[in-house]
Amino acid sequence: MDNNICKFNEIKSGDLFCTSIILETTDVQSDLTKCDKHIIALMVNKSAVLTKHSESYKILENSIFFIEKNTPFSISKEENAKYLYITFHGRKADELIQRVGLSKSFSVIEQESSALVDFALSCFEKLTDENTDLLAEALLLYIFAHLNKNKKTQNSLLSKILSVTHESFTTSSFSLSNLAKMLGYDAKYISFFFKENEGVRFVDYLKNLRIQHSIFLIEQGLLSVKSIAYLSGFSDALYFSKVFKAETGKTPTDYINSFQKNNPNLL
């Protein structure tokens, strides 16, 4: 069996981070594991079985599969089978995932053509220490472009909800009731509809969107907790700090200090 091949790089494009690109040839992920980054992958040859959320999915050759960050999963593959995957995270990453319609319920999409896999392998073979950042990010965006081109037409109401939310979430007065008024629907119906289609309550989605934006602001160099809270859509800095700690495990101040310590070159 071929040796497993990995390339690691902290790729930064605004707030899109690709942390590794791996051509997996081993069974290292056959036991239940979890990654704190998103994973998007291509089945290079043969087949495998992806298990997540207690459901199993067959991955055929040339298929794309997706694993959301912090999701326990395992991959059991045929002998000599290979798959190539990229780990990534960041606010732009979350926006891209939303844009192409990926979600916790999305697992595998079958592809008839090998063109995408051929392109991915071509990029991988050209990786060097000097160009890993360019090729890995290019490959990730190319896969997203492919998914965007082939996705089914989204529900028009859901599209409106997401569009208005992403345009308005940094305004502290924006809420479920405001959204419902803007779209001309009952708030309870919007709440039910969103949960049915996205698998998460709208209020939790909005809260997570604001917290992710606050992390982005910190990583762009903003240090005032009050300003970060306000620019992320929170009118109360104390409430923001409480929500931030509940979501990340750290207070905003602790997160700022930790980020500064680990990224001295960005100061």
Protein backbone atom coordinates (compact mmCIF):
# COMPACT_ATOMS: atom_id res chain seq x y z
CA MET A 1 0.00 0.00 0.00
CA ASP A 2 1.22 3.50 -0.75
CA ASN A 3 2.39 5.65 2.12
CA ASN A 4 -0.08 8.23 3.28
CA ILE A 5 0.71 11.66 1.80
CA CYS A 6 0.01 14.88 3.68
CA LYS A 7 0.62 18.56 3.12
CA PHE A 8 0.14 20.99 5.99
CA ASN A 9 -0.12 24.72 5.66
CA GLU A 10 -1.93 27.56 7.42
CA ILE A 11 -3.49 29.21 4.37
CA LYS A 12 -5.03 32.60 4.98
CA SER A 13 -7.29 34.42 2.56
CA GLY A 14 -9.20 37.01 4.54
CA ASP A 15 -10.98 34.67 6.93
CA LEU A 16 -10.68 31.41 4.95
CA PHE A 17 -8.19 28.97 6.47
CA CYS A 18 -7.10 25.67 4.89
CA THR A 19 -5.02 23.75 7.42
CA SER A 20 -4.18 20.52 5.58
CA ILE A 21 -4.58 18.66 2.30
CA ILE A 22 -4.21 14.90 2.53
CA LEU A 23 -4.26 11.98 0.12
CA GLU A 24 -5.48 9.28 2.49
CA THR A 25 -4.26 5.76 1.73
CA THR A 26 -4.51 4.25 5.22
CA ASP A 27 -7.34 3.18 7.51
CA VAL A 28 -6.50 5.81 10.12
CA GLN A 29 -10.09 7.10 10.14
CA SER A 30 -11.79 3.71 10.40
CA ASP A 31 -12.33 4.27 14.14
CA LEU A 32 -14.68 6.98 15.36
CA THR A 33 -12.88 10.32 15.35
CA LYS A 34 -13.65 14.03 15.25
CA CYS A 35 -12.06 17.05 13.57
CA ASP A 36 -12.31 20.64 14.80
CA LYS A 37 -12.23 21.81 11.15
CA HIS A 38 -14.64 21.17 8.24
CA ILE A 39 -13.66 18.37 5.86
CA ILE A 40 -14.45 18.24 2.14
CA ALA A 41 -13.22 15.19 0.25
CA LEU A 42 -13.11 13.37 -3.07
CA MET A 43 -13.17 9.58 -3.40
CA VAL A 44 -10.23 8.94 -5.72
CA ASN A 45 -10.82 5.24 -6.43
CA LYS A 46 -12.87 2.26 -5.33
CA SER A 47 -15.34 2.98 -2.50
CA ALA A 48 -15.78 3.53 1.22
CA VAL A 49 -18.48 3.87 3.86
CA LEU A 50 -18.88 7.12 5.80
CA THR A 51 -20.63 6.95 9.17
CA LYS A 52 -21.79 10.08 11.00
CA HIS A 53 -24.81 10.97 13.12
CA SER A 54 -25.37 7.19 13.45
CA GLU A 55 -26.10 6.98 9.71
CA SER A 56 -23.94 5.22 7.10
CA TYR A 57 -23.38 6.42 3.54
CA LYS A 58 -21.76 4.63 0.62
CA ILE A 59 -19.04 6.71 -1.05
CA LEU A 60 -18.46 5.67 -4.64
CA GLU A 61 -15.48 6.53 -6.82
CA ASN A 62 -15.44 10.22 -7.90
CA SER A 63 -17.97 11.19 -5.19
CA ILE A 64 -17.70 14.29 -3.02
CA PHE A 65 -18.33 13.98 0.70
CA PHE A 66 -18.53 16.53 3.49
CA ILE A 67 -18.04 16.34 7.25
CA GLU A 68 -18.95 19.35 9.35
CA LYS A 69 -16.49 20.40 12.04
CA ASN A 70 -16.81 18.73 15.47
CA THR A 71 -18.91 15.91 13.99
CA PRO A 72 -17.91 12.39 15.15
CA PHE A 73 -17.34 10.20 12.08
CA SER A 74 -15.57 7.15 10.73
CA ILE A 75 -14.58 6.05 7.23
CA SER A 76 -14.19 2.40 6.34
CA LYS A 77 -12.70 1.94 2.89
CA GLU A 78 -11.90 -0.90 0.53
CA GLU A 79 -8.36 -2.21 0.38
CA ASN A 80 -6.08 0.11 -1.60
CA ALA A 81 -8.82 2.74 -1.86
CA LYS A 82 -7.80 6.39 -1.64
CA TYR A 83 -9.56 9.65 -0.94
CA LEU A 84 -8.23 13.20 -0.98
CA TYR A 85 -9.48 15.72 1.54
CA ILE A 86 -8.96 19.29 2.70
CA THR A 87 -9.54 20.55 6.24
CA PHE A 88 -10.68 24.16 6.44
CA HIS A 89 -12.42 26.69 8.66
CA GLY A 90 -13.17 30.39 9.08
CA ARG A 91 -16.06 32.79 8.55
CA LYS A 92 -15.68 32.75 4.78
CA ALA A 93 -15.62 28.95 4.92
CA ASP A 94 -18.95 28.94 6.77
CA GLU A 95 -20.39 31.37 4.23
CA LEU A 96 -19.27 29.15 1.34
CA ILE A 97 -20.81 26.10 3.01
CA GLN A 98 -24.08 27.98 3.37
CA ARG A 99 -23.92 29.30 -0.19
CA VAL A 100 -23.68 25.88 -1.82
CA GLY A 101 -26.26 24.33 0.49
CA LEU A 102 -24.07 22.08 2.61
CA SER A 103 -25.44 21.20 6.03
CA LYS A 104 -25.31 18.57 8.74
CA SER A 105 -27.67 16.47 6.64
CA PHE A 106 -25.42 16.64 3.55
CA SER A 107 -22.98 13.75 3.38
CA VAL A 108 -22.27 12.42 -0.11
CA ILE A 109 -22.96 13.60 -3.65
CA GLU A 110 -22.23 11.17 -6.45
CA GLN A 111 -20.35 12.34 -9.53
CA GLU A 112 -20.52 10.63 -12.93
CA SER A 113 -17.30 12.14 -14.27
CA SER A 114 -13.75 11.71 -12.98
CA ALA A 115 -12.77 15.22 -14.16
CA LEU A 116 -12.96 16.76 -10.68
CA VAL A 117 -10.84 14.01 -9.13
CA ASP A 118 -8.35 14.26 -12.00
CA PHE A 119 -8.04 18.00 -11.41
CA ALA A 120 -7.58 17.48 -7.66
CA LEU A 121 -4.83 14.90 -8.18
CA SER A 122 -3.14 17.16 -10.70
CA CYS A 123 -3.09 19.97 -8.12
CA PHE A 124 -1.84 17.63 -5.41
CA GLU A 125 1.01 16.33 -7.54
CA LYS A 126 2.21 19.90 -8.12
CA LEU A 127 2.28 20.87 -4.44
CA THR A 128 5.54 22.26 -3.10
CA ASP A 129 6.44 24.25 -0.01
CA GLU A 130 6.23 27.38 -2.14
CA ASN A 131 2.85 26.84 -3.80
CA THR A 132 0.82 24.80 -1.29
CA ASP A 133 -1.11 27.87 -0.18
CA LEU A 134 -2.16 28.73 -3.74
CA LEU A 135 -3.04 25.25 -4.99
CA ALA A 136 -4.83 24.02 -1.89
CA GLU A 137 -7.05 27.09 -1.70
CA ALA A 138 -7.65 26.97 -5.46
CA LEU A 139 -8.73 23.33 -5.20
CA LEU A 140 -11.06 24.04 -2.29
CA LEU A 141 -12.73 26.91 -4.13
CA TYR A 142 -12.93 24.85 -7.32
CA ILE A 143 -14.82 22.12 -5.46
CA PHE A 144 -17.19 24.72 -4.02
CA ALA A 145 -17.72 26.21 -7.48
CA HIS A 146 -18.56 22.73 -8.75
CA LEU A 147 -21.07 22.19 -5.93
CA ASN A 148 -22.62 25.60 -6.50
CA LYS A 149 -23.07 24.91 -10.20
CA ASN A 150 -24.78 21.59 -9.59
CA LYS A 151 -26.88 22.29 -6.52
CA LYS A 152 -30.66 22.10 -6.78
CA THR A 153 -32.63 25.32 -6.84
CA GLN A 154 -33.05 26.47 -3.26
CA ASN A 155 -36.40 27.15 -1.73
CA SER A 156 -37.14 30.82 -2.45
CA LEU A 157 -38.30 31.60 1.11
CA LEU A 158 -35.23 29.98 2.63
CA SER A 159 -33.03 31.95 0.23
CA LYS A 160 -34.75 35.17 1.31
CA ILE A 161 -34.33 34.32 5.00
CA LEU A 162 -30.64 33.61 4.59
CA SER A 163 -30.03 36.63 2.39
CA VAL A 164 -31.74 39.08 4.75
CA THR A 165 -30.09 37.51 7.79
CA HIS A 166 -26.57 37.74 6.37
CA GLU A 167 -27.18 41.35 5.37
CA SER A 168 -28.67 42.38 8.73
CA PHE A 169 -27.16 40.27 11.53
CA THR A 170 -24.64 42.93 12.60
CA THR A 171 -27.54 45.28 13.46
CA SER A 172 -28.41 44.74 17.13
CA SER A 173 -32.14 45.34 16.56
CA PHE A 174 -32.34 42.52 14.01
CA SER A 175 -34.20 39.49 15.36
CA LEU A 176 -36.60 36.74 14.38
CA SER A 177 -39.59 39.07 14.78
CA ASN A 178 -37.91 41.77 12.64
CA LEU A 179 -37.12 39.20 9.97
CA ALA A 180 -40.71 37.96 9.94
CA LYS A 181 -42.03 41.52 9.52
CA MET A 182 -39.57 42.23 6.71
CA LEU A 183 -40.71 39.12 4.82
CA GLY A 184 -44.41 39.42 5.68
CA TYR A 185 -44.68 36.14 7.62
CA ASP A 186 -45.63 35.11 11.13
CA ALA A 187 -42.55 34.73 13.37
CA LYS A 188 -43.61 31.29 14.61
CA TYR A 189 -43.97 30.08 11.03
CA ILE A 190 -40.52 31.41 10.09
CA SER A 191 -39.05 29.70 13.14
CA PHE A 192 -40.70 26.37 12.29
CA PHE A 193 -39.84 26.64 8.59
CA PHE A 194 -36.18 27.42 9.26
CA LYS A 195 -35.76 24.54 11.72
CA GLU A 196 -37.37 22.12 9.26
CA ASN A 197 -35.07 23.15 6.43
CA GLU A 198 -31.79 23.89 8.23
CA GLY A 199 -32.00 21.56 11.22
CA VAL A 200 -31.24 24.37 13.68
CA ARG A 201 -33.34 27.02 15.40
CA PHE A 202 -33.15 30.43 13.76
CA VAL A 203 -32.22 32.15 17.04
CA ASP A 204 -29.26 29.75 17.43
CA TYR A 205 -28.23 30.27 13.81
CA LEU A 206 -28.28 34.05 14.30
CA LYS A 207 -26.33 33.80 17.55
CA ASN A 208 -23.68 31.59 15.95
CA LEU A 209 -23.39 33.94 12.98
CA ARG A 210 -22.73 36.86 15.32
CA ILE A 211 -20.18 34.93 17.37
CA GLN A 212 -18.32 33.84 14.23
CA HIS A 213 -18.23 37.46 13.11
CA SER A 214 -16.86 38.54 16.49
CA ILE A 215 -14.07 35.95 16.15
CA PHE A 216 -13.31 37.32 12.70
CA LEU A 217 -13.04 40.85 14.12
CA ILE A 218 -10.66 39.68 16.85
CA GLU A 219 -8.49 37.91 14.28
CA GLN A 220 -8.43 41.12 12.23
CA GLY A 221 -6.92 42.95 15.19
CA LEU A 222 -9.89 44.56 16.98
CA LEU A 223 -9.25 44.41 20.75
CA SER A 224 -12.11 46.31 22.41
CA VAL A 225 -14.72 43.85 23.71
CA LYS A 226 -17.39 46.55 23.68
CA SER A 227 -16.64 47.46 20.05
CA ILE A 228 -16.52 43.82 18.98
CA ALA A 229 -19.88 43.20 20.63
CA TYR A 230 -21.48 46.22 18.97
CA LEU A 231 -20.07 45.45 15.50
CA SER A 232 -21.25 41.83 15.79
CA GLY A 233 -24.86 42.72 16.53
CA PHE A 234 -24.89 42.66 20.34
CA SER A 235 -26.19 45.73 22.17
CA ASP A 236 -24.93 44.51 25.56
CA ALA A 237 -21.21 43.71 26.01
CA LEU A 238 -21.86 41.65 29.16
CA TYR A 239 -24.43 39.49 27.39
CA PHE A 240 -22.05 39.16 24.44
CA SER A 241 -19.28 37.94 26.76
CA LYS A 242 -21.64 35.38 28.29
CA VAL A 243 -22.73 34.06 24.89
CA PHE A 244 -19.16 34.09 23.56
CA LYS A 245 -17.90 31.97 26.46
CA ALA A 246 -20.82 29.54 26.10
CA GLU A 247 -20.02 29.10 22.41
CA THR A 248 -16.21 29.03 22.50
CA GLY A 249 -15.30 28.04 26.05
CA LYS A 250 -13.38 31.30 26.53
CA THR A 251 -14.28 34.86 27.41
CA PRO A 252 -13.65 37.41 24.64
CA THR A 253 -10.69 38.78 26.63
CA ASP A 254 -9.18 35.31 27.04
CA TYR A 255 -9.69 34.64 23.34
CA ILE A 256 -8.01 37.94 22.41
CA ASN A 257 -5.04 37.22 24.69
CA SER A 258 -4.69 33.67 23.37
CA PHE A 259 -4.86 34.82 19.75
CA GLN A 260 -2.23 37.52 20.34
CA LYS A 261 0.06 35.01 22.04
CA ASN A 262 -0.24 32.46 19.23
CA ASN A 263 0.01 35.01 16.41
CA PRO A 264 2.73 37.49 17.44
CA ASN A 265 3.57 38.27 13.79
CA LEU A 266 0.08 39.65 13.22
CA LEU A 267 0.38 42.29 15.92
